[in-house]
């Protein structure tokens, strides 16, 4: 079973993503900020990571940078409510940049595609 790490500071959204991904057949671990996400990345060896950008303690861009310094190949999806960061060179290290939507179809499709590639 593929393991996904969801790093999202809003609890209700974090739990929604967790439940949706569990329903798709994945094992899901979650973190409430970038620091916790980084620790879980090192400890749990996930197969894919989803990262929100605006979070306390360590934002998503900082987390992405730290992870890429250790693992250039793990699939990472930036999943943010803010589309203005798409022009930020730092986020280009992610495999995908998606803008949050109430319809999680695109999100789940990208997760599946990245795990299959």
PDB file of N, CA and C in Angstrom:
ATOM      1  N   UNK A   1       0.839  -1.179   0.000  1.00  0.00           N
ATOM      2  CA  UNK A   1       0.000   0.000   0.000  1.00  0.00           C
ATOM      3  C   UNK A   1       0.888   1.249   0.000  1.00  0.00           C
ATOM      4  N   UNK A   2       0.594   2.193  -0.878  1.00  0.00           N
ATOM      5  CA  UNK A   2       1.367   3.435  -0.982  1.00  0.00           C
ATOM      6  C   UNK A   2       1.031   4.360   0.193  1.00  0.00           C
ATOM      7  N   UNK A   3       2.081   5.007   0.703  1.00  0.00           N
ATOM      8  CA  UNK A   3       1.929   5.896   1.850  1.00  0.00           C
ATOM      9  C   UNK A   3       2.053   7.351   1.404  1.00  0.00           C
ATOM     10  N   UNK A   4       1.068   8.161   1.807  1.00  0.00           N
ATOM     11  CA  UNK A   4       1.049   9.579   1.455  1.00  0.00           C
ATOM     12  C   UNK A   4       1.148  10.419   2.718  1.00  0.00           C
ATOM     13  N   UNK A   5       2.006  11.422   2.670  1.00  0.00           N
ATOM     14  CA  UNK A   5       2.118  12.396   3.757  1.00  0.00           C
ATOM     15  C   UNK A   5       1.397  13.663   3.327  1.00  0.00           C
ATOM     16  N   UNK A   6       0.391  14.070   4.109  1.00  0.00           N
ATOM     17  CA  UNK A   6      -0.365  15.296   3.864  1.00  0.00           C
ATOM     18  C   UNK A   6       0.090  16.328   4.886  1.00  0.00           C
ATOM     19  N   UNK A   7       0.641  17.446   4.402  1.00  0.00           N
ATOM     20  CA  UNK A   7       1.086  18.526   5.282  1.00  0.00           C
ATOM     21  C   UNK A   7       0.163  19.711   5.047  1.00  0.00           C
ATOM     22  N   UNK A   8      -0.700  19.967   6.025  1.00  0.00           N
ATOM     23  CA  UNK A   8      -1.762  20.972   5.909  1.00  0.00           C
ATOM     24  C   UNK A   8      -2.069  21.505   7.302  1.00  0.00           C
ATOM     25  N   UNK A   9      -2.078  22.838   7.453  1.00  0.00           N
ATOM     26  CA  UNK A   9      -2.273  23.407   8.788  1.00  0.00           C
ATOM     27  C   UNK A   9      -3.732  23.469   9.228  1.00  0.00           C
ATOM     28  N   UNK A  10      -4.669  23.484   8.300  1.00  0.00           N
ATOM     29  CA  UNK A  10      -6.076  23.543   8.692  1.00  0.00           C
ATOM     30  C   UNK A  10      -6.598  22.126   8.955  1.00  0.00           C
ATOM     31  N   UNK A  11      -6.991  21.893  10.202  1.00  0.00           N
ATOM     32  CA  UNK A  11      -7.353  20.543  10.643  1.00  0.00           C
ATOM     33  C   UNK A  11      -8.485  19.921   9.828  1.00  0.00           C
ATOM     34  N   UNK A  12      -9.551  20.687   9.561  1.00  0.00           N
ATOM     35  CA  UNK A  12     -10.685  20.112   8.836  1.00  0.00           C
ATOM     36  C   UNK A  12     -10.285  19.722   7.412  1.00  0.00           C
ATOM     37  N   UNK A  13      -9.473  20.551   6.774  1.00  0.00           N
ATOM     38  CA  UNK A  13      -9.016  20.228   5.416  1.00  0.00           C
ATOM     39  C   UNK A  13      -8.067  19.040   5.448  1.00  0.00           C
ATOM     40  N   UNK A  14      -7.169  19.019   6.423  1.00  0.00           N
ATOM     41  CA  UNK A  14      -6.226  17.903   6.574  1.00  0.00           C
ATOM     42  C   UNK A  14      -6.984  16.586   6.734  1.00  0.00           C
ATOM     43  N   UNK A  15      -8.007  16.593   7.574  1.00  0.00           N
ATOM     44  CA  UNK A  15      -8.797  15.379   7.796  1.00  0.00           C
ATOM     45  C   UNK A  15      -9.599  14.984   6.561  1.00  0.00           C
ATOM     46  N   UNK A  16     -10.102  15.982   5.823  1.00  0.00           N
ATOM     47  CA  UNK A  16     -10.833  15.690   4.585  1.00  0.00           C
ATOM     48  C   UNK A  16      -9.924  14.993   3.581  1.00  0.00           C
ATOM     49  N   UNK A  17      -8.720  15.542   3.369  1.00  0.00           N
ATOM     50  CA  UNK A  17      -7.781  14.918   2.431  1.00  0.00           C
ATOM     51  C   UNK A  17      -7.429  13.508   2.886  1.00  0.00           C
ATOM     52  N   UNK A  18      -7.221  13.357   4.181  1.00  0.00           N
ATOM     53  CA  UNK A  18      -6.876  12.041   4.721  1.00  0.00           C
ATOM     54  C   UNK A  18      -7.973  11.028   4.403  1.00  0.00           C
ATOM     55  N   UNK A  19      -9.213  11.375   4.702  1.00  0.00           N
ATOM     56  CA  UNK A  19     -10.329  10.451   4.463  1.00  0.00           C
ATOM     57  C   UNK A  19     -10.501  10.144   2.974  1.00  0.00           C
ATOM     58  N   UNK A  20     -10.390  11.166   2.134  1.00  0.00           N
ATOM     59  CA  UNK A  20     -10.533  10.961   0.692  1.00  0.00           C
ATOM     60  C   UNK A  20      -9.442  10.033   0.154  1.00  0.00           C
ATOM     61  N   UNK A  21      -8.217  10.223   0.614  1.00  0.00           N
ATOM     62  CA  UNK A  21      -7.110   9.389   0.137  1.00  0.00           C
ATOM     63  C   UNK A  21      -7.174   7.973   0.698  1.00  0.00           C
ATOM     64  N   UNK A  22      -7.635   7.829   1.934  1.00  0.00           N
ATOM     65  CA  UNK A  22      -7.858   6.486   2.487  1.00  0.00           C
ATOM     66  C   UNK A  22      -8.904   5.752   1.656  1.00  0.00           C
ATOM     67  N   UNK A  23      -9.973   6.459   1.277  1.00  0.00           N
ATOM     68  CA  UNK A  23     -11.019   5.860   0.430  1.00  0.00           C
ATOM     69  C   UNK A  23     -10.471   5.414  -0.924  1.00  0.00           C
ATOM     70  N   UNK A  24      -9.384   6.055  -1.376  1.00  0.00           N
ATOM     71  CA  UNK A  24      -8.745   5.678  -2.649  1.00  0.00           C
ATOM     72  C   UNK A  24      -7.786   4.504  -2.474  1.00  0.00           C
ATOM     73  N   UNK A  25      -7.590   4.053  -1.229  1.00  0.00           N
ATOM     74  CA  UNK A  25      -6.760   2.877  -0.991  1.00  0.00           C
ATOM     75  C   UNK A  25      -5.347   3.158  -0.518  1.00  0.00           C
ATOM     76  N   UNK A  26      -5.072   4.391  -0.077  1.00  0.00           N
ATOM     77  CA  UNK A  26      -3.735   4.738   0.379  1.00  0.00           C
ATOM     78  C   UNK A  26      -3.643   4.744   1.898  1.00  0.00           C
ATOM     79  N   UNK A  27      -2.447   4.525   2.390  1.00  0.00           N
ATOM     80  CA  UNK A  27      -2.147   4.776   3.800  1.00  0.00           C
ATOM     81  C   UNK A  27      -1.813   6.264   3.882  1.00  0.00           C
ATOM     82  N   UNK A  28      -2.369   6.966   4.868  1.00  0.00           N
ATOM     83  CA  UNK A  28      -2.174   8.413   4.950  1.00  0.00           C
ATOM     84  C   UNK A  28      -1.686   8.802   6.334  1.00  0.00           C
ATOM     85  N   UNK A  29      -0.619   9.612   6.354  1.00  0.00           N
ATOM     86  CA  UNK A  29      -0.144  10.217   7.586  1.00  0.00           C
ATOM     87  C   UNK A  29      -0.239  11.726   7.395  1.00  0.00           C
ATOM     88  N   UNK A  30      -0.452  12.452   8.490  1.00  0.00           N
ATOM     89  CA  UNK A  30      -0.665  13.885   8.358  1.00  0.00           C
ATOM     90  C   UNK A  30       0.224  14.672   9.311  1.00  0.00           C
ATOM     91  N   UNK A  31       0.485  15.917   8.914  1.00  0.00           N
ATOM     92  CA  UNK A  31       1.254  16.848   9.739  1.00  0.00           C
ATOM     93  C   UNK A  31       0.572  18.209   9.682  1.00  0.00           C
ATOM     94  N   UNK A  32       0.622  18.924  10.806  1.00  0.00           N
ATOM     95  CA  UNK A  32      -0.074  20.205  10.908  1.00  0.00           C
ATOM     96  C   UNK A  32       0.778  21.406  10.515  1.00  0.00           C
ATOM     97  N   UNK A  33       2.052  21.202  10.258  1.00  0.00           N
ATOM     98  CA  UNK A  33       2.914  22.294   9.797  1.00  0.00           C
ATOM     99  C   UNK A  33       4.167  21.715   9.154  1.00  0.00           C
ATOM    100  N   UNK A  34       4.995  22.597   8.624  1.00  0.00           N
ATOM    101  CA  UNK A  34       6.186  22.155   7.916  1.00  0.00           C
ATOM    102  C   UNK A  34       7.190  21.427   8.782  1.00  0.00           C
ATOM    103  N   UNK A  35       7.355  21.861  10.025  1.00  0.00           N
ATOM    104  CA  UNK A  35       8.303  21.177  10.916  1.00  0.00           C
ATOM    105  C   UNK A  35       7.884  19.741  11.171  1.00  0.00           C
ATOM    106  N   UNK A  36       6.611  19.547  11.507  1.00  0.00           N
ATOM    107  CA  UNK A  36       6.107  18.190  11.738  1.00  0.00           C
ATOM    108  C   UNK A  36       6.158  17.372  10.451  1.00  0.00           C
ATOM    109  N   UNK A  37       5.875  18.028   9.324  1.00  0.00           N
ATOM    110  CA  UNK A  37       5.936  17.343   8.040  1.00  0.00           C
ATOM    111  C   UNK A  37       7.338  16.857   7.713  1.00  0.00           C
ATOM    112  N   UNK A  38       8.321  17.680   8.009  1.00  0.00           N
ATOM    113  CA  UNK A  38       9.706  17.295   7.738  1.00  0.00           C
ATOM    114  C   UNK A  38      10.119  16.103   8.601  1.00  0.00           C
ATOM    115  N   UNK A  39       9.735  16.127   9.864  1.00  0.00           N
ATOM    116  CA  UNK A  39      10.053  15.010  10.761  1.00  0.00           C
ATOM    117  C   UNK A  39       9.389  13.722  10.281  1.00  0.00           C
ATOM    118  N   UNK A  40       8.126  13.799   9.857  1.00  0.00           N
ATOM    119  CA  UNK A  40       7.437  12.603   9.359  1.00  0.00           C
ATOM    120  C   UNK A  40       8.043  12.120   8.037  1.00  0.00           C
ATOM    121  N   UNK A  41       8.466  13.044   7.185  1.00  0.00           N
ATOM    122  CA  UNK A  41       9.143  12.659   5.939  1.00  0.00           C
ATOM    123  C   UNK A  41      10.370  11.810   6.254  1.00  0.00           C
ATOM    124  N   UNK A  42      11.177  12.230   7.209  1.00  0.00           N
ATOM    125  CA  UNK A  42      12.393  11.493   7.556  1.00  0.00           C
ATOM    126  C   UNK A  42      12.071  10.159   8.227  1.00  0.00           C
ATOM    127  N   UNK A  43      11.054  10.147   9.055  1.00  0.00           N
ATOM    128  CA  UNK A  43      10.734   8.960   9.858  1.00  0.00           C
ATOM    129  C   UNK A  43       9.911   7.910   9.088  1.00  0.00           C
ATOM    130  N   UNK A  44       8.953   8.351   8.297  1.00  0.00           N
ATOM    131  CA  UNK A  44       7.957   7.450   7.711  1.00  0.00           C
ATOM    132  C   UNK A  44       8.237   6.999   6.278  1.00  0.00           C
ATOM    133  N   UNK A  45       9.163   7.673   5.570  1.00  0.00           N
ATOM    134  CA  UNK A  45       9.487   7.310   4.197  1.00  0.00           C
ATOM    135  C   UNK A  45       8.241   7.208   3.309  1.00  0.00           C
ATOM    136  N   UNK A  46       7.491   8.305   3.162  1.00  0.00           N
ATOM    137  CA  UNK A  46       6.278   8.248   2.333  1.00  0.00           C
ATOM    138  C   UNK A  46       6.607   8.104   0.849  1.00  0.00           C
ATOM    139  N   UNK A  47       5.612   7.670   0.091  1.00  0.00           N
ATOM    140  CA  UNK A  47       5.767   7.512  -1.354  1.00  0.00           C
ATOM    141  C   UNK A  47       5.424   8.793  -2.111  1.00  0.00           C
ATOM    142  N   UNK A  48       4.677   9.698  -1.468  1.00  0.00           N
ATOM    143  CA  UNK A  48       4.256  10.961  -2.071  1.00  0.00           C
ATOM    144  C   UNK A  48       3.937  11.930  -0.952  1.00  0.00           C
ATOM    145  N   UNK A  49       4.140  13.227  -1.206  1.00  0.00           N
ATOM    146  CA  UNK A  49       3.854  14.251  -0.204  1.00  0.00           C
ATOM    147  C   UNK A  49       2.996  15.341  -0.839  1.00  0.00           C
ATOM    148  N   UNK A  50       1.969  15.785  -0.115  1.00  0.00           N
ATOM    149  CA  UNK A  50       1.212  16.966  -0.514  1.00  0.00           C
ATOM    150  C   UNK A  50       1.517  18.055   0.513  1.00  0.00           C
ATOM    151  N   UNK A  51       1.748  19.267   0.020  1.00  0.00           N
ATOM    152  CA  UNK A  51       2.179  20.359   0.894  1.00  0.00           C
ATOM    153  C   UNK A  51       1.337  21.605   0.640  1.00  0.00           C
ATOM    154  N   UNK A  52       0.789  22.159   1.719  1.00  0.00           N
ATOM    155  CA  UNK A  52       0.172  23.480   1.675  1.00  0.00           C
ATOM    156  C   UNK A  52       1.308  24.499   1.725  1.00  0.00           C
ATOM    157  N   UNK A  53       1.081  25.722   1.254  1.00  0.00           N
ATOM    158  CA  UNK A  53       2.159  26.704   1.262  1.00  0.00           C
ATOM    159  C   UNK A  53       2.191  27.573   2.512  1.00  0.00           C
ATOM    160  N   UNK A  54       1.057  28.125   2.878  1.00  0.00           N
ATOM    161  CA  UNK A  54       1.033  29.055   4.014  1.00  0.00           C
ATOM    162  C   UNK A  54       0.715  28.283   5.287  1.00  0.00           C
ATOM    163  N   UNK A  55       1.771  28.041   6.077  1.00  0.00           N
ATOM    164  CA  UNK A  55       1.643  27.297   7.329  1.00  0.00           C
ATOM    165  C   UNK A  55       2.556  27.934   8.371  1.00  0.00           C
ATOM    166  N   UNK A  56       2.240  27.723   9.650  1.00  0.00           N
ATOM    167  CA  UNK A  56       3.123  28.240  10.705  1.00  0.00           C
ATOM    168  C   UNK A  56       4.384  27.384  10.848  1.00  0.00           C
ATOM    169  N   UNK A  57       5.355  27.915  11.540  1.00  0.00           N
ATOM    170  CA  UNK A  57       6.610  27.251  11.910  1.00  0.00           C
ATOM    171  C   UNK A  57       7.568  27.034  10.746  1.00  0.00           C
ATOM    172  N   UNK A  58       7.105  26.440   9.666  1.00  0.00           N
ATOM    173  CA  UNK A  58       7.900  26.287   8.450  1.00  0.00           C
ATOM    174  C   UNK A  58       6.911  26.261   7.299  1.00  0.00           C
ATOM    175  N   UNK A  59       7.018  27.219   6.388  1.00  0.00           N
ATOM    176  CA  UNK A  59       6.036  27.254   5.298  1.00  0.00           C
ATOM    177  C   UNK A  59       6.336  26.158   4.266  1.00  0.00           C
ATOM    178  N   UNK A  60       5.435  26.015   3.316  1.00  0.00           N
ATOM    179  CA  UNK A  60       5.550  24.947   2.336  1.00  0.00           C
ATOM    180  C   UNK A  60       6.755  25.065   1.422  1.00  0.00           C
ATOM    181  N   UNK A  61       7.160  26.289   1.094  1.00  0.00           N
ATOM    182  CA  UNK A  61       8.337  26.471   0.238  1.00  0.00           C
ATOM    183  C   UNK A  61       9.601  26.037   0.970  1.00  0.00           C
ATOM    184  N   UNK A  62       9.693  26.375   2.233  1.00  0.00           N
ATOM    185  CA  UNK A  62      10.847  25.948   3.036  1.00  0.00           C
ATOM    186  C   UNK A  62      10.878  24.429   3.168  1.00  0.00           C
ATOM    187  N   UNK A  63       9.711  23.838   3.404  1.00  0.00           N
ATOM    188  CA  UNK A  63       9.621  22.380   3.525  1.00  0.00           C
ATOM    189  C   UNK A  63      10.022  21.709   2.215  1.00  0.00           C
ATOM    190  N   UNK A  64       9.496  22.204   1.108  1.00  0.00           N
ATOM    191  CA  UNK A  64       9.841  21.653  -0.201  1.00  0.00           C
ATOM    192  C   UNK A  64      11.351  21.701  -0.422  1.00  0.00           C
ATOM    193  N   UNK A  65      11.974  22.817  -0.097  1.00  0.00           N
ATOM    194  CA  UNK A  65      13.412  22.971  -0.266  1.00  0.00           C
ATOM    195  C   UNK A  65      14.190  21.964   0.584  1.00  0.00           C
ATOM    196  N   UNK A  66      13.800  21.797   1.840  1.00  0.00           N
ATOM    197  CA  UNK A  66      14.496  20.852   2.726  1.00  0.00           C
ATOM    198  C   UNK A  66      14.362  19.416   2.228  1.00  0.00           C
ATOM    199  N   UNK A  67      13.157  19.057   1.785  1.00  0.00           N
ATOM    200  CA  UNK A  67      12.939  17.692   1.296  1.00  0.00           C
ATOM    201  C   UNK A  67      13.746  17.447   0.024  1.00  0.00           C
ATOM    202  N   UNK A  68      13.737  18.397  -0.900  1.00  0.00           N
ATOM    203  CA  UNK A  68      14.457  18.224  -2.165  1.00  0.00           C
ATOM    204  C   UNK A  68      15.963  18.121  -1.956  1.00  0.00           C
ATOM    205  N   UNK A  69      16.487  18.711  -0.912  1.00  0.00           N
ATOM    206  CA  UNK A  69      17.917  18.586  -0.628  1.00  0.00           C
ATOM    207  C   UNK A  69      18.272  17.151  -0.225  1.00  0.00           C
ATOM    208  N   UNK A  70      17.287  16.414   0.290  1.00  0.00           N
ATOM    209  CA  UNK A  70      17.523  15.040   0.721  1.00  0.00           C
ATOM    210  C   UNK A  70      17.003  13.997  -0.260  1.00  0.00           C
ATOM    211  N   UNK A  71      15.958  14.354  -1.012  1.00  0.00           N
ATOM    212  CA  UNK A  71      15.334  13.391  -1.921  1.00  0.00           C
ATOM    213  C   UNK A  71      14.815  14.143  -3.147  1.00  0.00           C
ATOM    214  N   UNK A  72      15.516  13.980  -4.241  1.00  0.00           N
ATOM    215  CA  UNK A  72      15.141  14.696  -5.469  1.00  0.00           C
ATOM    216  C   UNK A  72      14.019  13.984  -6.243  1.00  0.00           C
ATOM    217  N   UNK A  73      13.711  12.753  -5.863  1.00  0.00           N
ATOM    218  CA  UNK A  73      12.796  11.952  -6.664  1.00  0.00           C
ATOM    219  C   UNK A  73      11.393  11.772  -6.093  1.00  0.00           C
ATOM    220  N   UNK A  74      11.199  11.983  -4.797  1.00  0.00           N
ATOM    221  CA  UNK A  74       9.876  11.746  -4.226  1.00  0.00           C
ATOM    222  C   UNK A  74       8.854  12.696  -4.853  1.00  0.00           C
ATOM    223  N   UNK A  75       7.725  12.163  -5.296  1.00  0.00           N
ATOM    224  CA  UNK A  75       6.696  13.022  -5.875  1.00  0.00           C
ATOM    225  C   UNK A  75       6.117  13.973  -4.815  1.00  0.00           C
ATOM    226  N   UNK A  76       6.034  15.252  -5.190  1.00  0.00           N
ATOM    227  CA  UNK A  76       5.497  16.267  -4.286  1.00  0.00           C
ATOM    228  C   UNK A  76       4.467  17.102  -5.031  1.00  0.00           C
ATOM    229  N   UNK A  77       3.309  17.273  -4.387  1.00  0.00           N
ATOM    230  CA  UNK A  77       2.258  18.133  -4.912  1.00  0.00           C
ATOM    231  C   UNK A  77       2.119  19.325  -3.973  1.00  0.00           C
ATOM    232  N   UNK A  78       2.282  20.519  -4.522  1.00  0.00           N
ATOM    233  CA  UNK A  78       1.927  21.725  -3.779  1.00  0.00           C
ATOM    234  C   UNK A  78       0.426  21.898  -3.986  1.00  0.00           C
ATOM    235  N   UNK A  79      -0.318  21.962  -2.903  1.00  0.00           N
ATOM    236  CA  UNK A  79      -1.776  22.079  -2.985  1.00  0.00           C
ATOM    237  C   UNK A  79      -2.168  23.261  -2.125  1.00  0.00           C
ATOM    238  N   UNK A  80      -2.369  24.399  -2.775  1.00  0.00           N
ATOM    239  CA  UNK A  80      -2.534  25.656  -2.066  1.00  0.00           C
ATOM    240  C   UNK A  80      -3.752  26.426  -2.571  1.00  0.00           C
ATOM    241  N   UNK A  81      -4.288  27.260  -1.718  1.00  0.00           N
ATOM    242  CA  UNK A  81      -5.385  28.143  -2.105  1.00  0.00           C
ATOM    243  C   UNK A  81      -4.868  29.347  -2.882  1.00  0.00           C
ATOM    244  N   UNK A  82      -3.565  29.520  -2.918  1.00  0.00           N
ATOM    245  CA  UNK A  82      -2.960  30.712  -3.505  1.00  0.00           C
ATOM    246  C   UNK A  82      -2.271  30.385  -4.819  1.00  0.00           C
ATOM    247  N   UNK A  83      -2.810  30.911  -5.919  1.00  0.00           N
ATOM    248  CA  UNK A  83      -2.195  30.613  -7.215  1.00  0.00           C
ATOM    249  C   UNK A  83      -1.073  31.576  -7.562  1.00  0.00           C
ATOM    250  N   UNK A  84      -0.879  32.655  -6.787  1.00  0.00           N
ATOM    251  CA  UNK A  84       0.186  33.606  -7.120  1.00  0.00           C
ATOM    252  C   UNK A  84       1.580  33.015  -6.958  1.00  0.00           C
ATOM    253  N   UNK A  85       1.706  31.912  -6.236  1.00  0.00           N
ATOM    254  CA  UNK A  85       3.010  31.296  -6.034  1.00  0.00           C
ATOM    255  C   UNK A  85       3.475  30.484  -7.247  1.00  0.00           C
ATOM    256  N   UNK A  86       2.612  30.298  -8.234  1.00  0.00           N
ATOM    257  CA  UNK A  86       3.014  29.515  -9.404  1.00  0.00           C
ATOM    258  C   UNK A  86       4.185  30.159 -10.140  1.00  0.00           C
ATOM    259  N   UNK A  87       4.358  31.456  -9.983  1.00  0.00           N
ATOM    260  CA  UNK A  87       5.471  32.158 -10.632  1.00  0.00           C
ATOM    261  C   UNK A  87       6.734  32.174  -9.770  1.00  0.00           C
ATOM    262  N   UNK A  88       6.639  31.638  -8.561  1.00  0.00           N
ATOM    263  CA  UNK A  88       7.790  31.599  -7.662  1.00  0.00           C
ATOM    264  C   UNK A  88       8.668  30.411  -8.060  1.00  0.00           C
ATOM    265  N   UNK A  89       9.887  30.707  -8.449  1.00  0.00           N
ATOM    266  CA  UNK A  89      10.817  29.672  -8.916  1.00  0.00           C
ATOM    267  C   UNK A  89      10.975  28.528  -7.920  1.00  0.00           C
ATOM    268  N   UNK A  90      10.889  28.815  -6.632  1.00  0.00           N
ATOM    269  CA  UNK A  90      11.094  27.797  -5.596  1.00  0.00           C
ATOM    270  C   UNK A  90      10.093  26.648  -5.688  1.00  0.00           C
ATOM    271  N   UNK A  91       8.854  26.934  -6.090  1.00  0.00           N
ATOM    272  CA  UNK A  91       7.844  25.870  -6.131  1.00  0.00           C
ATOM    273  C   UNK A  91       7.994  24.978  -7.358  1.00  0.00           C
ATOM    274  N   UNK A  92       8.845  25.366  -8.290  1.00  0.00           N
ATOM    275  CA  UNK A  92       9.038  24.546  -9.481  1.00  0.00           C
ATOM    276  C   UNK A  92       9.704  23.222  -9.163  1.00  0.00           C
ATOM    277  N   UNK A  93      10.246  23.077  -7.962  1.00  0.00           N
ATOM    278  CA  UNK A  93      10.856  21.812  -7.556  1.00  0.00           C
ATOM    279  C   UNK A  93       9.800  20.741  -7.276  1.00  0.00           C
ATOM    280  N   UNK A  94       8.545  21.172  -7.143  1.00  0.00           N
ATOM    281  CA  UNK A  94       7.451  20.213  -6.938  1.00  0.00           C
ATOM    282  C   UNK A  94       7.066  19.589  -8.281  1.00  0.00           C
ATOM    283  N   UNK A  95       6.476  18.420  -8.231  1.00  0.00           N
ATOM    284  CA  UNK A  95       6.022  17.754  -9.447  1.00  0.00           C
ATOM    285  C   UNK A  95       4.745  18.390  -9.993  1.00  0.00           C
ATOM    286  N   UNK A  96       3.913  18.886  -9.091  1.00  0.00           N
ATOM    287  CA  UNK A  96       2.638  19.501  -9.477  1.00  0.00           C
ATOM    288  C   UNK A  96       2.342  20.670  -8.545  1.00  0.00           C
ATOM    289  N   UNK A  97       1.624  21.651  -9.083  1.00  0.00           N
ATOM    290  CA  UNK A  97       1.121  22.776  -8.286  1.00  0.00           C
ATOM    291  C   UNK A  97      -0.358  22.869  -8.596  1.00  0.00           C
ATOM    292  N   UNK A  98      -1.179  22.564  -7.614  1.00  0.00           N
ATOM    293  CA  UNK A  98      -2.626  22.608  -7.798  1.00  0.00           C
ATOM    294  C   UNK A  98      -3.226  23.664  -6.882  1.00  0.00           C
ATOM    295  N   UNK A  99      -4.257  24.336  -7.382  1.00  0.00           N
ATOM    296  CA  UNK A  99      -4.991  25.297  -6.564  1.00  0.00           C
ATOM    297  C   UNK A  99      -6.159  24.550  -5.930  1.00  0.00           C
ATOM    298  N   UNK A 100      -6.307  24.716  -4.617  1.00  0.00           N
ATOM    299  CA  UNK A 100      -7.350  24.001  -3.878  1.00  0.00           C
ATOM    300  C   UNK A 100      -8.726  24.269  -4.470  1.00  0.00           C
ATOM    301  N   UNK A 101      -9.543  23.230  -4.418  1.00  0.00           N
ATOM    302  CA  UNK A 101     -10.901  23.284  -4.925  1.00  0.00           C
ATOM    303  C   UNK A 101     -11.774  22.400  -4.046  1.00  0.00           C
ATOM    304  N   UNK A 102     -13.058  22.704  -4.024  1.00  0.00           N
ATOM    305  CA  UNK A 102     -13.972  21.838  -3.266  1.00  0.00           C
ATOM    306  C   UNK A 102     -14.145  20.489  -3.960  1.00  0.00           C
ATOM    307  N   UNK A 103     -13.828  20.429  -5.253  1.00  0.00           N
ATOM    308  CA  UNK A 103     -13.858  19.184  -6.011  1.00  0.00           C
ATOM    309  C   UNK A 103     -12.445  18.589  -5.984  1.00  0.00           C
ATOM    310  N   UNK A 104     -12.291  17.470  -5.318  1.00  0.00           N
ATOM    311  CA  UNK A 104     -10.974  16.860  -5.151  1.00  0.00           C
ATOM    312  C   UNK A 104     -10.590  15.903  -6.277  1.00  0.00           C
ATOM    313  N   UNK A 105     -11.363  15.873  -7.347  1.00  0.00           N
ATOM    314  CA  UNK A 105     -11.102  14.946  -8.452  1.00  0.00           C
ATOM    315  C   UNK A 105      -9.716  15.153  -9.046  1.00  0.00           C
ATOM    316  N   UNK A 106      -9.359  16.399  -9.378  1.00  0.00           N
ATOM    317  CA  UNK A 106      -8.055  16.666  -9.977  1.00  0.00           C
ATOM    318  C   UNK A 106      -6.933  16.287  -9.010  1.00  0.00           C
ATOM    319  N   UNK A 107      -7.102  16.617  -7.739  1.00  0.00           N
ATOM    320  CA  UNK A 107      -6.118  16.286  -6.708  1.00  0.00           C
ATOM    321  C   UNK A 107      -5.885  14.775  -6.659  1.00  0.00           C
ATOM    322  N   UNK A 108      -6.959  14.004  -6.570  1.00  0.00           N
ATOM    323  CA  UNK A 108      -6.831  12.552  -6.485  1.00  0.00           C
ATOM    324  C   UNK A 108      -6.261  11.956  -7.773  1.00  0.00           C
ATOM    325  N   UNK A 109      -6.608  12.536  -8.913  1.00  0.00           N
ATOM    326  CA  UNK A 109      -6.072  12.071 -10.191  1.00  0.00           C
ATOM    327  C   UNK A 109      -4.564  12.290 -10.253  1.00  0.00           C
ATOM    328  N   UNK A 110      -4.097  13.464  -9.827  1.00  0.00           N
ATOM    329  CA  UNK A 110      -2.657  13.760  -9.849  1.00  0.00           C
ATOM    330  C   UNK A 110      -1.897  12.851  -8.884  1.00  0.00           C
ATOM    331  N   UNK A 111      -2.475  12.577  -7.719  1.00  0.00           N
ATOM    332  CA  UNK A 111      -1.840  11.662  -6.767  1.00  0.00           C
ATOM    333  C   UNK A 111      -1.644  10.306  -7.438  1.00  0.00           C
ATOM    334  N   UNK A 112      -2.696   9.807  -8.051  1.00  0.00           N
ATOM    335  CA  UNK A 112      -2.635   8.498  -8.709  1.00  0.00           C
ATOM    336  C   UNK A 112      -1.594   8.488  -9.827  1.00  0.00           C
ATOM    337  N   UNK A 113      -1.606   9.531 -10.665  1.00  0.00           N
ATOM    338  CA  UNK A 113      -0.660   9.613 -11.780  1.00  0.00           C
ATOM    339  C   UNK A 113       0.793   9.609 -11.276  1.00  0.00           C
ATOM    340  N   UNK A 114       1.058  10.402 -10.261  1.00  0.00           N
ATOM    341  CA  UNK A 114       2.432  10.496  -9.761  1.00  0.00           C
ATOM    342  C   UNK A 114       2.897   9.199  -9.109  1.00  0.00           C
ATOM    343  N   UNK A 115       1.988   8.492  -8.466  1.00  0.00           N
ATOM    344  CA  UNK A 115       2.361   7.234  -7.835  1.00  0.00           C
ATOM    345  C   UNK A 115       2.571   6.122  -8.865  1.00  0.00           C
ATOM    346  N   UNK A 116       1.967   6.250 -10.016  1.00  0.00           N
ATOM    347  CA  UNK A 116       2.120   5.247 -11.076  1.00  0.00           C
ATOM    348  C   UNK A 116       3.341   5.509 -11.946  1.00  0.00           C
ATOM    349  N   UNK A 117       3.816   6.747 -11.956  1.00  0.00           N
ATOM    350  CA  UNK A 117       4.935   7.073 -12.862  1.00  0.00           C
ATOM    351  C   UNK A 117       6.280   6.726 -12.255  1.00  0.00           C
TER     352      UNK A 117
END
